[in-house]
Each structure stands twice: as C-alpha cells, then as structure tokens.
Amino acid sequence: MTIAEARTTDFFHVDDLLTDEERAIRDRVRAFVDERLLPVANHYWERAEFPLELVAPYADLRVAGGSVRGYGCPGMSAVAEGLVTLELARGDGSFSTFNSVHSGLVMSTIAMLGSEVQKRRWLPDLASCVKLGAFALTEPHHGSDVVRLGTRARRDGDSWVLDGAKRWIGNGTLADVVIVWARDDDGEIGGFVVDRRDEDVPGYQASVITGKTSNRGLWQADITLSGVRVPLDNRLAGARTFADTGRCLTKSRQAIAWEGLGHAVGAFECALAYAKTREQFGRPIAAFQLVQDKLSTMLSEITGMQLTCLRLAQLQDAGRVRLEHAALAKLQTASGARRVCAMARDILGGNGILLEHHVARHHADMEAVYTYEGTDTVQSLIVGRAITGHAAFAS
C-alpha cells in the first residue's frame, strides 16, 4: 500500500496518534502481508490448505504473544497488537485468524491464567512458533451457549482424564499446545493443556472440517477426547470458573474487532483501485456518482471503526476495558465490515466474485468474523445488559 493509499484509508489521520514503535511494528507486518502473504493467499484459500510455509517468516516478525510481557514475548502496546491483526486481516482472514488463535487466545490465556511455571514452560516456544497453539472451547452442541460445557475432566491419581468433543477449533489438527475447556468433578470450569509435543496423544483425535465457504485457508477441527490423560499440573492455575474463561474471551473479542476493520480496509483498497482503472462508457467508474457514493459510505464506516478500535486499545492499555466494551466494538466492526465488503463486491461487478481481485475472499471471510467470538445478537445482548442492568439471555 502506497503512502497515498494509506492516507486515503486514514481519512482522520489516526496514524498521527501512533507512537514510532507502533508504526514500526505495523510497517513490518504490512511488508510481510504485501510481500509474502498476499501473493499466495488466493492459492491456499482456493485449495482449503493452511500456508505452513509462512509460519517461519511469521515467527520472524516477533509479534506472537502481542502485549504479553516476558517469556520471549514482544510486550507491545494494545494498539500495536491491534494493528498487527488489522494488517494480517487486510491481507488474508484465514492467516489473521491463525494469529488470533495462536497469539491471542492461546498465549494470552496462558499469560493471564497460567502459573509462573506454566508460563515459563509454554510461552517461549509459542512466541518463537517452535510450538503452535489451539483453544478448544466451542462444542458441537454449544456455540453461543458456551457456559453449558459438556466436556468433562475427572481426576484419576496424578492425572486429569478428559472426555468430550470440540468443534470449530482453529489449529486443532496441527497444534502442539491445546487448551481444552472442561468441567471438573466439582462442576468448576478449567483450562486443561494437552501437550502433544511430537507424538500422538492417546484418545485425542482431530479432523479438519471440510466444505467451508469462509476462512478456507485455516484448518479448523472437530476434536474428540476419549480418556485423554494430562498431568495434574497441566490445569491452568487461574482457571476455575467461567468468569476466568470470560476474561480470555474479552481479550479475544478486542482482536476480532480489529480483524473486521482489516477486512474492511482490504476490501476498500481493492475496490478503490479497481474503480480508478475500470472504464465503462468512456471513463473510469470512479467518476460516476453511484460509485463515489459507495466509496464515501465505505470510508465513513472504516473511519468509525478505526476510532473505536483505537479507543478500545487505549482502554486495554489503561486496564479499564470491560466485556461490554469489547462486545460493542465487535458488534460495530463485524456489521460495518460486512457492509463494506458487500459494497466492494458490488463495485467490482462480475469481477467481484473472482479471487484474483481479493474482494471475494474478504466478502466470504467476513461471514466467519460476523459469527465467531460471539454473533451480533450475543454482542448486542451483552451491551444491552450493561446499559439496562437486565440480562435478556435465554435461561
């Protein structure tokens, strides 16, 4: 993206509010996206394959772990962490989701809920991507209603024994460190780390979900746990209730808000470039009123998302962010980015469904972003509870 193009999508000069370090991190990831990710994204998306070849250069970016400090993690600001997600999503939603799972969900959860020994045990290898992580919470029969966990963890001597099933688990087939959420004998919810190392774990079976029309370049798994034994000290020390799990989800929803923004920026840039070069009736379609109206509306959506994400990250850095803040941000950016991607596809006309123009990928992948980490309805009810004092969730 040229300086002029960057300024187009930064209409309110949000870049001026960033620190030099934040810009440097953003630019490093932007170069990776433009030089390494974008050239192969369509290839892997169409074939429903994960780009393992990009894991090493991703590790070289030194962004895994985001705002986690120590243990080989970068310890960047929440703003910089958000910019990483934005840039990756601008390139490819599948790879951005890989980052959100590995860096956001897994590493942040261990940093928040793990003991000192557990942090030292797993975070350095995850930060360098020597090991990859997965976060196994969602179940086949429990999506939005995640509190009704069916997976069980029973104590047997010096081990926990896990039985149950998980679904839609990003990285579930390739991860070395899998955080499995389950209910123990006392009914408490815990995060139990299945450390797969370089060998198969008896009773752990994972298969790639096929037939997806969104995030095709990310391997998501169905996981079956049948008598999977993990050592007692593999239970995250700070994971005892669903409130602990909720802290992890609050952090994750902040990242997904930035991801929606990234999809919107990517689709807008492609649509704008196309409109400037595509000619109909003797002039570029960018010169027509209807196209300019769409582009202006798209930019308005993007600018609002930028300001929301920036403020959300500032609240995170100040230790003031709450679940309803993350929910409102995700609610805004997921629905807004969905509209932006749809308008971008419309501007490209028939070419809008071709992968070569990238918009089709953003358009399809936004359907996943709109749903995961809590649907629009769930986010709306979280915000509604905060502003009315009444919970409207079905019991």
Protein backbone atom coordinates (compact mmCIF):
# COMPACT_ATOMS: atom_id res chain seq x y z
CA MET A 1 0.00 0.00 0.00
CA THR A 2 1.49 3.35 -1.03
CA ILE A 3 1.61 6.37 1.27
CA ALA A 4 -1.19 7.98 -0.73
CA GLU A 5 -3.38 4.88 -0.45
CA ALA A 6 -2.67 4.62 3.27
CA ARG A 7 -3.76 8.23 3.72
CA THR A 8 -6.98 7.53 1.80
CA THR A 9 -7.99 4.87 4.31
CA ASP A 10 -6.74 7.05 7.19
CA PHE A 11 -9.01 9.98 6.49
CA PHE A 12 -8.89 11.33 10.06
CA HIS A 13 -5.10 10.94 10.35
CA VAL A 14 -5.21 8.25 13.04
CA ASP A 15 -1.62 7.46 12.11
CA ASP A 16 -0.61 10.71 13.82
CA LEU A 17 -1.78 9.23 17.14
CA LEU A 18 0.56 6.25 16.94
CA THR A 19 3.99 6.03 18.53
CA ASP A 20 7.10 5.43 16.44
CA GLU A 21 7.29 1.88 17.80
CA GLU A 22 3.68 1.18 16.89
CA ARG A 23 4.27 2.42 13.34
CA ALA A 24 7.41 0.32 13.04
CA ILE A 25 5.55 -2.84 14.11
CA ARG A 26 2.68 -2.01 11.76
CA ASP A 27 5.02 -1.41 8.84
CA ARG A 28 6.93 -4.64 9.50
CA VAL A 29 3.72 -6.66 9.36
CA ARG A 30 2.46 -4.66 6.38
CA ALA A 31 5.56 -5.61 4.42
CA PHE A 32 5.07 -9.28 5.32
CA VAL A 33 1.48 -9.09 4.10
CA ASP A 34 2.33 -7.39 0.82
CA GLU A 35 5.43 -9.42 0.01
CA ARG A 36 4.68 -12.86 1.43
CA LEU A 37 1.00 -13.31 2.32
CA LEU A 38 -0.97 -11.63 -0.48
CA PRO A 39 0.89 -13.38 -3.32
CA VAL A 40 -0.15 -16.83 -2.02
CA ALA A 41 -3.39 -16.15 -0.15
CA ASN A 42 -5.70 -16.99 -3.04
CA HIS A 43 -3.81 -20.20 -3.79
CA TYR A 44 -4.24 -21.57 -0.27
CA TRP A 45 -7.79 -20.26 0.13
CA GLU A 46 -9.00 -21.93 -3.07
CA ARG A 47 -7.36 -25.25 -2.12
CA ALA A 48 -8.51 -25.06 1.50
CA GLU A 49 -4.91 -25.50 2.70
CA PHE A 50 -3.04 -23.77 5.51
CA PRO A 51 0.18 -21.98 4.40
CA LEU A 52 2.68 -23.76 6.63
CA GLU A 53 5.46 -22.13 4.60
CA LEU A 54 4.55 -18.78 6.21
CA VAL A 55 4.87 -19.88 9.84
CA ALA A 56 8.64 -19.30 9.92
CA PRO A 57 8.53 -15.79 8.40
CA TYR A 58 5.59 -15.01 10.69
CA ALA A 59 7.73 -16.08 13.65
CA ASP A 60 10.48 -13.76 12.40
CA LEU A 61 8.10 -10.80 12.75
CA ARG A 62 8.33 -11.23 16.55
CA VAL A 63 4.66 -10.42 17.07
CA ALA A 64 3.38 -13.71 18.53
CA GLY A 65 2.23 -13.02 22.07
CA GLY A 66 1.27 -9.43 21.30
CA SER A 67 1.00 -7.47 24.54
CA VAL A 68 2.26 -10.34 26.73
CA ARG A 69 5.44 -9.25 28.51
CA GLY A 70 8.41 -11.51 29.23
CA TYR A 71 8.92 -15.18 28.37
CA GLY A 72 10.20 -14.28 24.89
CA CYS A 73 7.02 -12.34 24.03
CA PRO A 74 7.14 -8.87 22.44
CA GLY A 75 5.23 -6.98 25.14
CA MET A 76 3.86 -4.45 22.66
CA SER A 77 1.08 -1.97 23.35
CA ALA A 78 -2.53 -2.99 22.81
CA VAL A 79 -2.66 -0.52 19.92
CA ALA A 80 0.29 -2.21 18.21
CA GLU A 81 -1.26 -5.61 18.85
CA GLY A 82 -4.44 -4.41 17.17
CA LEU A 83 -2.51 -3.04 14.20
CA VAL A 84 -0.90 -6.45 13.71
CA THR A 85 -4.34 -8.03 13.48
CA LEU A 86 -5.59 -5.30 11.16
CA GLU A 87 -2.71 -5.73 8.73
CA LEU A 88 -2.93 -9.53 8.67
CA ALA A 89 -6.68 -9.37 8.03
CA ARG A 90 -6.12 -6.77 5.31
CA GLY A 91 -4.12 -9.47 3.57
CA ASP A 92 -5.96 -12.66 4.45
CA GLY A 93 -8.60 -13.50 7.03
CA SER A 94 -7.50 -17.11 7.35
CA PHE A 95 -3.97 -16.21 8.40
CA SER A 96 -5.23 -13.42 10.61
CA THR A 97 -7.43 -15.95 12.42
CA PHE A 98 -4.44 -18.26 12.82
CA ASN A 99 -2.66 -15.38 14.57
CA SER A 100 -5.71 -14.57 16.70
CA VAL A 101 -5.89 -18.18 17.90
CA HIS A 102 -2.19 -18.83 18.44
CA SER A 103 -1.12 -15.43 19.72
CA GLY A 104 -4.37 -14.03 21.05
CA LEU A 105 -6.40 -16.84 22.55
CA VAL A 106 -3.70 -19.34 23.49
CA MET A 107 -0.76 -17.20 24.56
CA SER A 108 -2.88 -14.52 26.22
CA THR A 109 -4.79 -17.20 28.16
CA ILE A 110 -1.61 -18.80 29.46
CA ALA A 111 -0.27 -15.36 30.38
CA MET A 112 -3.49 -14.43 32.22
CA LEU A 113 -4.35 -17.73 33.87
CA GLY A 114 -1.15 -19.76 33.99
CA SER A 115 1.18 -20.12 36.93
CA GLU A 116 4.74 -18.84 36.71
CA VAL A 117 5.95 -22.37 35.99
CA GLN A 118 3.32 -22.84 33.27
CA LYS A 119 4.22 -19.54 31.62
CA ARG A 120 7.89 -20.47 31.53
CA ARG A 121 7.01 -23.92 30.23
CA TRP A 122 4.90 -22.95 27.23
CA LEU A 123 5.16 -19.26 26.31
CA PRO A 124 8.75 -19.12 24.97
CA ASP A 125 8.18 -21.94 22.47
CA LEU A 126 4.84 -20.43 21.43
CA ALA A 127 6.43 -16.99 20.99
CA SER A 128 9.04 -18.43 18.63
CA CYS A 129 6.45 -20.68 16.95
CA VAL A 130 8.51 -23.75 17.76
CA LYS A 131 5.13 -24.87 19.07
CA LEU A 132 1.70 -23.79 17.81
CA GLY A 133 -1.41 -23.42 19.94
CA ALA A 134 -5.15 -24.11 19.81
CA PHE A 135 -8.03 -23.03 22.07
CA ALA A 136 -10.69 -25.73 22.40
CA LEU A 137 -13.82 -24.20 23.89
CA THR A 138 -16.70 -24.48 21.37
CA GLU A 139 -18.58 -27.79 21.27
CA PRO A 140 -20.80 -29.41 18.62
CA HIS A 141 -23.96 -28.62 20.59
CA HIS A 142 -22.81 -25.48 22.42
CA GLY A 143 -21.88 -22.46 20.30
CA SER A 144 -23.12 -19.20 21.79
CA ASP A 145 -24.18 -21.05 24.96
CA VAL A 146 -20.59 -21.93 25.82
CA VAL A 147 -21.22 -21.97 29.56
CA ARG A 148 -23.00 -25.33 29.16
CA LEU A 149 -19.80 -27.24 28.63
CA GLY A 150 -20.31 -30.93 28.02
CA THR A 151 -16.63 -31.89 28.10
CA ARG A 152 -15.63 -33.42 31.45
CA ALA A 153 -12.37 -33.62 33.38
CA ARG A 154 -12.20 -36.20 36.14
CA ARG A 155 -9.27 -36.67 38.44
CA ASP A 156 -7.59 -40.06 38.42
CA GLY A 157 -4.46 -40.28 40.56
CA ASP A 158 -1.84 -37.88 39.24
CA SER A 159 -3.78 -37.11 36.05
CA TRP A 160 -6.86 -35.40 34.73
CA VAL A 161 -8.86 -37.53 32.28
CA LEU A 162 -10.71 -35.62 29.56
CA ASP A 163 -13.80 -36.86 27.72
CA GLY A 164 -15.90 -34.89 25.27
CA ALA A 165 -15.97 -33.23 21.89
CA LYS A 166 -14.98 -29.84 20.47
CA ARG A 167 -15.80 -28.18 17.15
CA TRP A 168 -14.51 -25.27 15.05
CA ILE A 169 -11.12 -25.39 16.77
CA GLY A 170 -8.61 -23.36 14.77
CA ASN A 171 -5.20 -25.10 14.50
CA GLY A 172 -6.73 -28.15 16.21
CA THR A 173 -5.04 -30.63 13.89
CA LEU A 174 -1.57 -29.12 13.94
CA ALA A 175 -1.26 -27.53 17.38
CA ASP A 176 1.28 -28.77 19.93
CA VAL A 177 -0.37 -26.96 22.85
CA VAL A 178 -4.16 -27.30 23.05
CA ILE A 179 -6.11 -25.60 25.84
CA VAL A 180 -9.21 -27.74 26.41
CA TRP A 181 -12.01 -26.23 28.47
CA ALA A 182 -13.90 -28.74 30.58
CA ARG A 183 -15.93 -29.14 33.76
CA ASP A 184 -14.29 -30.96 36.67
CA ASP A 185 -15.84 -33.27 39.28
CA ASP A 186 -16.92 -30.26 41.36
CA GLY A 187 -18.62 -28.59 38.40
CA GLU A 188 -15.91 -25.95 38.08
CA ILE A 189 -14.66 -24.92 34.64
CA GLY A 190 -10.96 -25.26 33.94
CA GLY A 191 -8.48 -24.95 31.10
CA PHE A 192 -6.51 -28.18 30.70
CA VAL A 193 -3.44 -28.13 28.46
CA VAL A 194 -3.00 -31.11 26.18
CA ASP A 195 0.70 -31.00 25.34
CA ARG A 196 1.03 -33.00 22.14
CA ARG A 197 4.75 -32.45 21.64
CA ASP A 198 6.00 -34.55 18.70
CA GLU A 199 3.90 -37.60 19.44
CA ASP A 200 0.27 -38.62 19.28
CA VAL A 201 -1.76 -38.30 22.46
CA PRO A 202 -3.88 -41.41 23.11
CA GLY A 203 -7.58 -40.57 22.86
CA TYR A 204 -7.04 -37.22 21.10
CA GLN A 205 -8.49 -37.31 17.59
CA ALA A 206 -8.73 -34.24 15.38
CA SER A 207 -10.01 -33.97 11.82
CA VAL A 208 -10.13 -30.95 9.53
CA ILE A 209 -13.62 -29.58 8.88
CA THR A 210 -14.18 -29.56 5.12
CA GLY A 211 -16.70 -27.87 2.84
CA LYS A 212 -16.21 -24.38 4.28
CA THR A 213 -17.04 -21.29 2.22
CA SER A 214 -15.21 -18.95 4.60
CA ASN A 215 -11.68 -18.87 6.08
CA ARG A 216 -10.77 -21.74 3.80
CA GLY A 217 -7.05 -21.16 4.32
CA LEU A 218 -7.33 -22.00 8.02
CA TRP A 219 -7.59 -25.56 9.30
CA GLN A 220 -10.40 -25.80 11.84
CA ALA A 221 -11.05 -29.10 13.53
CA ASP A 222 -13.55 -31.44 15.04
CA ILE A 223 -11.87 -32.87 18.13
CA THR A 224 -12.86 -35.99 20.05
CA LEU A 225 -11.42 -36.55 23.52
CA SER A 226 -11.71 -40.12 24.77
CA GLY A 227 -9.91 -40.73 28.04
CA VAL A 228 -7.17 -38.20 27.26
CA ARG A 229 -4.82 -38.07 30.23
CA VAL A 230 -3.00 -34.87 31.17
CA PRO A 231 -0.82 -34.29 34.25
CA LEU A 232 -2.42 -32.52 37.22
CA ASP A 233 -0.13 -29.53 36.74
CA ASN A 234 -1.42 -29.05 33.19
CA ARG A 235 -4.55 -27.39 34.52
CA LEU A 236 -4.11 -23.64 34.22
CA ALA A 237 -3.70 -22.39 37.78
CA GLY A 238 -6.04 -19.41 37.40
CA ALA A 239 -8.84 -21.20 35.53
CA ARG A 240 -11.58 -22.14 37.99
CA THR A 241 -14.82 -20.52 36.81
CA PHE A 242 -16.44 -19.36 33.60
CA ALA A 243 -15.57 -15.81 34.65
CA ASP A 244 -11.93 -16.77 34.11
CA THR A 245 -12.81 -18.04 30.63
CA GLY A 246 -14.69 -14.79 30.05
CA ARG A 247 -11.52 -12.79 30.64
CA CYS A 248 -9.91 -14.66 27.76
CA LEU A 249 -12.91 -14.06 25.52
CA THR A 250 -12.93 -10.34 26.34
CA LYS A 251 -9.32 -10.13 25.18
CA SER A 252 -10.08 -12.15 22.07
CA ARG A 253 -13.09 -10.02 21.07
CA GLN A 254 -10.86 -6.97 21.11
CA ALA A 255 -8.67 -8.63 18.48
CA ILE A 256 -11.67 -9.65 16.38
CA ALA A 257 -12.84 -6.03 16.30
CA TRP A 258 -9.52 -5.12 14.67
CA GLU A 259 -9.89 -8.09 12.33
CA GLY A 260 -13.19 -6.76 10.99
CA LEU A 261 -11.51 -3.41 10.40
CA GLY A 262 -8.71 -5.13 8.50
CA HIS A 263 -11.15 -6.87 6.17
CA ALA A 264 -12.92 -3.58 5.52
CA VAL A 265 -9.67 -1.76 4.73
CA GLY A 266 -8.54 -4.56 2.41
CA ALA A 267 -11.84 -4.64 0.52
CA PHE A 268 -11.98 -0.83 0.27
CA GLU A 269 -8.44 -0.57 -1.10
CA CYS A 270 -9.16 -3.18 -3.76
CA ALA A 271 -12.44 -1.56 -4.75
CA LEU A 272 -10.91 1.91 -4.95
CA ALA A 273 -8.00 0.75 -7.09
CA TYR A 274 -10.38 -1.14 -9.37
CA ALA A 275 -12.75 1.83 -9.71
CA LYS A 276 -9.88 4.08 -10.79
CA THR A 277 -8.79 1.76 -13.61
CA ARG A 278 -12.03 0.07 -14.75
CA GLU A 279 -13.58 2.05 -17.61
CA GLN A 280 -17.19 2.00 -18.70
CA PHE A 281 -18.94 4.38 -21.08
CA GLY A 282 -15.66 6.11 -21.85
CA ARG A 283 -14.42 6.96 -18.34
CA PRO A 284 -13.31 5.29 -15.10
CA ILE A 285 -16.21 4.08 -12.99
CA ALA A 286 -14.69 6.09 -10.12
CA ALA A 287 -16.03 9.17 -11.91
CA PHE A 288 -19.66 8.05 -11.53
CA GLN A 289 -21.83 9.36 -8.72
CA LEU A 290 -23.12 5.99 -7.52
CA VAL A 291 -19.61 4.56 -7.20
CA GLN A 292 -18.34 7.63 -5.36
CA ASP A 293 -21.33 7.41 -3.00
CA LYS A 294 -20.45 3.80 -2.20
CA LEU A 295 -16.78 4.62 -1.65
CA SER A 296 -17.65 7.53 0.64
CA THR A 297 -20.02 5.34 2.66
CA MET A 298 -17.36 2.63 2.94
CA LEU A 299 -14.77 5.13 4.13
CA SER A 300 -17.21 6.52 6.69
CA GLU A 301 -17.68 3.01 8.11
CA ILE A 302 -13.92 2.41 8.19
CA THR A 303 -13.19 5.71 9.93
CA GLY A 304 -15.70 4.95 12.66
CA MET A 305 -14.16 1.50 13.14
CA GLN A 306 -10.66 2.96 13.35
CA LEU A 307 -11.60 5.36 16.12
CA THR A 308 -13.47 2.66 18.05
CA CYS A 309 -10.58 0.19 17.82
CA LEU A 310 -8.03 2.80 18.82
CA ARG A 311 -10.01 3.82 21.90
CA LEU A 312 -10.65 0.19 22.80
CA ALA A 313 -6.91 -0.49 22.74
CA GLN A 314 -6.24 2.59 24.87
CA LEU A 315 -8.70 1.31 27.46
CA GLN A 316 -6.95 -2.06 27.37
CA ASP A 317 -3.57 -0.47 27.99
CA ALA A 318 -5.07 1.50 30.88
CA GLY A 319 -6.58 -1.65 32.40
CA ARG A 320 -10.09 -0.23 32.03
CA VAL A 321 -11.55 -2.41 29.28
CA ARG A 322 -14.64 -4.47 30.13
CA LEU A 323 -16.57 -7.21 28.38
CA GLU A 324 -19.21 -4.76 27.13
CA HIS A 325 -16.52 -2.55 25.57
CA ALA A 326 -15.18 -5.47 23.54
CA ALA A 327 -18.72 -6.56 22.66
CA LEU A 328 -19.71 -3.13 21.36
CA ALA A 329 -16.53 -2.88 19.28
CA LYS A 330 -17.04 -6.33 17.78
CA LEU A 331 -20.70 -5.51 17.15
CA GLN A 332 -19.74 -2.36 15.24
CA THR A 333 -16.83 -3.63 13.20
CA ALA A 334 -18.32 -7.00 12.24
CA SER A 335 -21.53 -5.50 10.90
CA GLY A 336 -19.77 -2.48 9.40
CA ALA A 337 -17.08 -4.52 7.67
CA ARG A 338 -19.72 -6.88 6.34
CA ARG A 339 -21.43 -3.89 4.65
CA VAL A 340 -18.12 -2.55 3.33
CA CYS A 341 -17.15 -5.90 1.81
CA ALA A 342 -20.58 -6.23 0.18
CA MET A 343 -20.30 -2.76 -1.37
CA ALA A 344 -16.77 -3.52 -2.58
CA ARG A 345 -18.01 -6.69 -4.25
CA ASP A 346 -20.79 -4.67 -5.89
CA ILE A 347 -18.36 -2.06 -7.25
CA LEU A 348 -16.36 -4.81 -8.95
CA GLY A 349 -19.48 -6.18 -10.62
CA GLY A 350 -18.99 -9.67 -12.05
CA ASN A 351 -15.26 -9.48 -11.31
CA GLY A 352 -16.16 -9.20 -7.65
CA ILE A 353 -16.57 -12.96 -7.37
CA LEU A 354 -13.10 -13.71 -8.75
CA LEU A 355 -10.34 -14.47 -6.26
CA GLU A 356 -7.75 -12.59 -8.30
CA HIS A 357 -9.22 -9.29 -7.14
CA HIS A 358 -9.15 -10.38 -3.44
CA VAL A 359 -12.53 -8.79 -2.63
CA ALA A 360 -14.33 -12.15 -2.97
CA ARG A 361 -12.11 -13.60 -0.24
CA HIS A 362 -12.80 -10.71 2.14
CA HIS A 363 -16.51 -10.90 1.34
CA ALA A 364 -16.66 -14.61 2.15
CA ASP A 365 -14.37 -14.48 5.18
CA MET A 366 -16.39 -11.72 6.82
CA GLU A 367 -19.21 -14.21 7.25
CA ALA A 368 -16.98 -16.10 9.68
CA VAL A 369 -15.90 -12.94 11.51
CA TYR A 370 -19.55 -11.91 11.82
CA THR A 371 -20.27 -15.16 13.66
CA TYR A 372 -17.26 -16.29 15.69
CA GLU A 373 -16.29 -14.95 19.10
CA GLY A 374 -19.99 -14.24 19.61
CA THR A 375 -22.62 -13.44 16.99
CA ASP A 376 -24.02 -9.93 16.54
CA THR A 377 -27.00 -10.95 18.65
CA VAL A 378 -24.83 -12.14 21.53
CA GLN A 379 -22.73 -8.96 21.45
CA SER A 380 -25.89 -6.85 21.39
CA LEU A 381 -27.28 -8.63 24.45
CA ILE A 382 -24.01 -8.14 26.34
CA VAL A 383 -24.17 -4.41 25.62
CA GLY A 384 -27.89 -4.34 26.41
CA ARG A 385 -27.27 -5.92 29.80
CA ALA A 386 -24.63 -3.29 30.55
CA ILE A 387 -26.85 -0.33 29.70
CA THR A 388 -30.12 -1.59 31.21
CA GLY A 389 -28.98 -3.71 34.12
CA HIS A 390 -31.18 -6.58 32.89
CA ALA A 391 -29.91 -9.81 31.38
CA ALA A 392 -32.02 -10.84 28.37
CA PHE A 393 -30.21 -14.09 27.61
CA ALA A 394 -32.44 -17.15 27.43
CA SER A 395 -32.11 -19.34 30.51
